[in-house]
Protein backbone atom coordinates (compact mmCIF):
# COMPACT_ATOMS: atom_id res chain seq x y z
CA MET A 1 -37.15 112.15 36.84
CA THR A 2 -37.90 115.85 37.32
CA ASN A 3 -39.92 117.76 34.75
CA ALA A 4 -36.85 119.71 33.66
CA LEU A 5 -34.86 116.53 33.07
CA ALA A 6 -37.77 114.84 31.32
CA ASP A 7 -38.20 117.81 29.00
CA ALA A 8 -34.48 118.02 28.25
CA LEU A 9 -34.15 114.31 27.42
CA ARG A 10 -37.35 113.97 25.43
CA ASP A 11 -36.59 112.16 22.14
CA ILE A 12 -32.92 111.61 23.06
CA GLY A 13 -31.84 107.97 22.90
CA ARG A 14 -34.10 105.00 23.55
CA PRO A 15 -36.98 105.38 26.03
CA GLN A 16 -35.59 102.57 28.19
CA ASP A 17 -32.27 104.42 28.52
CA ARG A 18 -33.68 107.77 29.58
CA PRO A 19 -33.99 107.08 33.32
CA ARG A 20 -30.25 106.33 33.52
CA LEU A 21 -29.42 109.23 31.22
CA ALA A 22 -31.41 111.41 33.61
CA ALA A 23 -29.51 109.96 36.58
CA PHE A 24 -26.21 110.72 34.84
CA THR A 25 -27.38 114.27 34.07
CA ALA A 26 -28.36 114.82 37.69
CA LEU A 27 -24.99 113.55 38.97
CA LEU A 28 -23.11 115.70 36.48
CA LEU A 29 -25.02 118.84 37.38
CA GLU A 30 -24.68 118.17 41.10
CA ARG A 31 -20.91 117.67 40.98
CA GLY A 32 -20.03 119.59 37.82
CA ALA A 33 -19.35 123.03 39.25
CA GLN A 34 -17.52 121.63 42.27
CA LEU A 35 -15.17 119.47 40.19
CA ASN A 36 -15.08 121.59 37.02
CA LEU A 37 -16.44 118.65 35.04
CA THR A 38 -18.40 120.55 32.42
CA ALA A 39 -19.38 124.02 31.30
CA ALA A 40 -23.01 122.84 31.11
CA ARG A 41 -25.01 124.14 34.06
CA HIS A 42 -28.58 123.10 33.26
CA PRO A 43 -30.35 119.96 31.95
CA ALA A 44 -30.83 121.23 28.39
CA ALA A 45 -27.11 121.93 28.01
CA VAL A 46 -26.17 118.45 29.27
CA ALA A 47 -28.84 116.90 27.04
CA ALA A 48 -27.25 118.57 24.01
CA HIS A 49 -23.91 116.94 24.87
CA ILE A 50 -25.64 113.58 25.34
CA ALA A 51 -27.29 113.87 21.93
CA ASP A 52 -23.96 114.81 20.36
CA SER A 53 -22.27 111.83 22.04
CA LEU A 54 -24.87 109.42 20.70
CA THR A 55 -24.08 110.40 17.10
CA LEU A 56 -21.05 108.09 17.49
CA LEU A 57 -23.11 105.06 18.54
CA ARG A 58 -23.39 103.35 15.16
CA HIS A 59 -19.62 103.52 14.62
CA ILE A 60 -18.22 102.17 17.90
CA ARG A 61 -17.42 98.52 18.56
CA ASP A 62 -17.02 96.39 21.66
CA PRO A 63 -14.80 96.92 23.62
CA PHE A 64 -13.92 100.57 23.29
CA VAL A 65 -11.63 103.03 25.02
CA ASP A 66 -12.27 106.73 25.58
CA ILE A 67 -9.35 109.14 25.98
CA GLY A 68 -9.60 112.25 28.16
CA SER A 69 -13.05 111.31 29.46
CA GLY A 70 -13.51 114.37 31.69
CA GLY A 71 -17.13 114.54 32.81
CA GLY A 72 -18.06 111.45 30.80
CA PHE A 73 -18.65 112.61 27.23
CA PRO A 74 -18.98 110.80 24.93
CA ALA A 75 -18.18 107.61 26.82
CA ILE A 76 -20.92 107.40 29.47
CA PRO A 77 -23.89 107.92 27.09
CA LEU A 78 -22.28 105.47 24.64
CA ALA A 79 -21.66 102.84 27.32
CA LEU A 80 -25.20 103.22 28.57
CA ALA A 81 -26.79 102.97 25.11
CA SER A 82 -24.58 100.16 23.79
CA GLY A 83 -23.89 97.98 26.80
CA TYR A 84 -20.30 97.66 25.54
CA ARG A 85 -17.31 97.31 27.83
CA VAL A 86 -15.51 100.63 28.01
CA THR A 87 -12.23 101.79 29.48
CA LEU A 88 -12.03 105.48 30.37
CA VAL A 89 -8.59 107.10 30.46
CA GLU A 90 -8.68 110.28 32.54
CA ALA A 91 -5.55 111.79 34.10
CA THR A 92 -7.26 114.16 36.56
CA LEU A 93 -7.86 112.17 39.75
CA LYS A 94 -11.02 113.98 40.87
CA LYS A 95 -12.60 113.45 37.46
CA ALA A 96 -11.54 109.80 37.40
CA GLN A 97 -13.15 109.28 40.80
CA PHE A 98 -16.37 110.91 39.58
CA LEU A 99 -16.42 108.55 36.60
CA ARG A 100 -16.03 105.56 38.92
CA GLU A 101 -18.97 106.82 40.98
CA VAL A 102 -21.08 107.17 37.83
CA ALA A 103 -20.20 103.65 36.70
CA VAL A 104 -21.30 102.21 40.05
CA ALA A 105 -24.46 104.31 40.24
CA LEU A 106 -25.55 103.38 36.70
CA ASP A 107 -24.28 99.76 36.81
CA LEU A 108 -22.10 100.21 33.73
CA PRO A 109 -19.32 97.85 32.54
CA VAL A 110 -16.72 100.60 32.92
CA THR A 111 -13.06 100.57 33.94
CA VAL A 112 -11.42 103.90 34.78
CA ILE A 113 -7.67 104.41 34.31
CA ALA A 114 -6.36 107.48 36.14
CA GLU A 115 -3.32 108.06 33.94
CA ARG A 116 -2.26 110.22 31.03
CA ALA A 117 -2.94 108.59 27.68
CA GLU A 118 0.76 108.81 26.78
CA ILE A 119 1.52 106.52 29.72
CA ALA A 120 -1.53 104.26 29.53
CA GLY A 121 -0.97 103.74 25.79
CA ARG A 122 2.30 101.95 26.54
CA ARG A 123 0.84 99.51 29.05
CA PRO A 124 0.83 95.92 27.71
CA ASP A 125 -2.64 95.32 29.15
CA LEU A 126 -4.06 98.30 27.24
CA ARG A 127 -2.02 98.61 24.04
CA ASP A 128 -3.45 96.93 20.89
CA ARG A 129 -6.52 95.78 22.86
CA PHE A 130 -9.60 97.70 21.73
CA ALA A 131 -11.98 97.49 18.79
CA SER A 132 -12.67 101.23 18.80
CA ALA A 133 -11.51 104.42 20.48
CA THR A 134 -13.13 107.78 21.09
CA ALA A 135 -11.81 111.15 22.27
CA ARG A 136 -13.45 114.54 22.46
CA ALA A 137 -12.08 118.06 23.04
CA VAL A 138 -8.58 116.77 23.74
CA ALA A 139 -6.29 118.37 21.12
CA SER A 140 -5.80 118.77 17.38
CA ALA A 141 -6.81 115.77 15.27
CA PRO A 142 -3.23 114.54 14.60
CA ALA A 143 -2.48 114.70 18.33
CA VAL A 144 -5.66 112.78 19.12
CA LEU A 145 -4.64 110.06 16.66
CA GLU A 146 -1.31 109.64 18.44
CA LEU A 147 -3.18 109.25 21.74
CA THR A 148 -5.85 106.82 20.48
CA LEU A 149 -4.31 104.52 17.85
CA PRO A 150 -1.83 102.78 20.21
CA PHE A 151 -4.83 101.41 22.16
CA LEU A 152 -6.47 99.90 19.08
CA ALA A 153 -6.11 96.35 17.83
CA PRO A 154 -5.37 95.98 14.10
CA ASN A 155 -8.53 96.81 12.12
CA GLY A 156 -9.82 98.78 15.10
CA MET A 157 -11.28 102.21 14.46
CA ALA A 158 -10.82 105.61 16.07
CA VAL A 159 -14.17 107.42 16.06
CA LEU A 160 -13.45 111.08 16.63
CA PRO A 161 -16.02 113.87 16.93
CA ARG A 162 -14.56 117.12 15.66
CA GLY A 163 -15.58 120.67 15.01
CA GLU A 164 -14.56 122.62 11.93
CA LEU A 165 -11.56 121.11 10.16
CA GLY A 166 -9.28 123.22 7.99
CA ASP A 167 -7.45 121.85 4.97
CA ALA A 168 -4.04 121.87 6.70
CA GLU A 169 -5.35 119.92 9.68
CA ARG A 170 -7.16 117.45 7.43
CA ARG A 171 -3.98 116.75 5.44
CA ALA A 172 -1.94 116.49 8.63
CA THR A 173 -4.48 114.02 10.02
CA ALA A 174 -4.25 111.80 6.95
CA ASP A 175 -0.43 111.92 7.06
CA ALA A 176 -0.31 111.26 10.82
CA ALA A 177 -2.60 108.27 10.39
CA LEU A 178 -0.10 106.74 7.95
CA VAL A 179 2.82 107.38 10.33
CA LEU A 180 0.87 105.56 13.06
CA ASN A 181 0.02 102.67 10.71
CA GLY A 182 -3.56 103.78 10.19
CA GLU A 183 -5.72 105.24 7.46
CA LEU A 184 -8.19 108.11 7.43
CA SER A 185 -11.08 106.02 6.17
CA GLY A 186 -14.05 108.35 6.50
CA GLU A 187 -15.34 111.81 7.35
CA ILE A 188 -19.02 112.17 8.19
CA GLU A 189 -20.33 115.72 8.22
CA LEU A 190 -23.13 116.21 10.73
CA ASP A 191 -23.63 119.90 10.00
CA GLY A 192 -21.45 122.81 8.94
CA ARG A 193 -19.58 122.86 12.26
CA ARG A 194 -19.52 119.20 13.36
CA ARG A 195 -18.17 116.04 11.83
CA ILE A 196 -16.94 112.55 12.74
CA LEU A 197 -13.53 111.34 11.60
CA LEU A 198 -13.06 107.59 11.17
CA VAL A 199 -9.49 106.27 11.23
CA THR A 200 -8.81 102.56 10.77
CA LYS A 201 -5.71 100.97 12.27
CA ARG A 202 -4.01 98.80 9.65
CA GLY A 203 -1.26 97.28 11.79
CA PRO A 204 0.75 97.75 14.99
CA THR A 205 1.54 101.33 15.92
CA PRO A 206 5.32 101.93 15.87
CA SER A 207 6.76 101.44 19.33
CA ARG A 208 7.99 105.04 19.66
CA PHE A 209 4.38 106.25 19.86
CA PRO A 210 2.86 107.79 21.83
CA ARG A 211 5.66 110.20 22.58
CA ARG A 212 6.26 111.38 26.13
CA ALA A 213 3.58 113.27 28.07
CA GLY A 214 2.60 116.59 26.54
CA VAL A 215 4.52 116.20 23.28
CA PRO A 216 1.66 115.00 21.03
CA GLU A 217 -0.35 118.14 21.82
CA LYS A 218 2.59 120.54 21.66
CA ARG A 219 4.07 119.07 18.46
CA PRO A 220 1.29 117.29 16.55
CA LEU A 221 2.50 114.78 14.00
CA CYS A 222 2.78 116.08 10.42
CA PHE A 223 1.11 119.40 11.20
CA ALA A 224 4.10 121.59 10.36
CA SER A 225 4.75 119.77 7.09
CA ALA A 226 1.11 119.96 6.04
CA ALA A 227 0.96 123.67 6.79
CA ALA A 228 4.25 124.30 5.01
CA ARG A 229 3.02 122.66 1.81
CA ARG A 230 0.12 125.08 1.83
CA GLY A 231 2.15 128.06 3.03
CA ASP A 232 0.18 128.41 6.27
CA VAL A 233 1.77 129.87 9.36
CA LYS A 234 -1.23 129.52 11.65
CA ARG A 235 -2.58 126.12 12.64
CA ASP A 236 -6.20 125.30 12.00
CA GLY A 237 -8.29 124.86 15.14
CA GLY A 238 -10.61 121.95 14.46
CA ARG A 239 -11.48 121.29 18.10
CA THR A 240 -14.87 120.66 19.57
CA ALA A 241 -15.96 123.02 22.32
CA PRO A 242 -14.62 122.07 25.76
CA LEU A 243 -17.15 120.26 27.93
C-alpha cells in the first residue's frame, strides 16, 4: 500500500479490510479515467466515497443486490466489509467488465449482470430473491424504488443513500412505496445533505413493475401527484452526486 493510499484509508473500515480497499482504490484510479467510472481522481476522493458507502453496512442483509453499480459504489466496499453475496446490475458493458475484474482480483462473492434494471427486474432468477437492495446516484427516489423493489423478497429492505430530499419527493417516495407494495419505514439523516432511506417490501411487487426501460426515470411514480398537492411545478432534486 502506497503512503498516499494508506493516508487516505486511515480509520476507514476495519484494519483487516484496508489492504483490499486499497487494492480496489488503485484499480479504480488506474481504470477510472479510461472507462469514465468515477469523477474521483485521487485516493482521498475515492476514500470519501468508500466511507460514504460503508454508512449502509449496518442496514444491508445477505444476499443483496446493487442497481446501477457503475464504478462499484456502494456495492464493492459493502461486499468486502460484509462478506455477503452480492449481485451487481450494471447496464454499461465496460463498467460491468471492470466490476467482474474487481471481483476476481479481490476474491469477492460477486455476480455481475450486464443488463438494465428494468429488464433484470423481470427475470425469474432475480425477481423476489434478495434480502436487501442498494442504489446510488441513479435517479429520483421514486424511480429508484421502482428499480429496486422488484428484486426484493417480501420483508426485504431497500437501503438507499440520498442527498437532500424535498417535501414533494419525500411524499412521492412514500406513495410510490405503497404502489409497489412497500413502506417507507425509516429515514436516517447523516448530516444536513446526506441521508439513508429505508423502504421495506411488504409483499410481491405488482407484475407491471418495473415499467419498460427509461420510463421509471422519465416518469417517476407518484411524483406529479405529490407535487400537485403542494402546488409545485419543479421537481425536487434529491440525488447524490454522480460518482
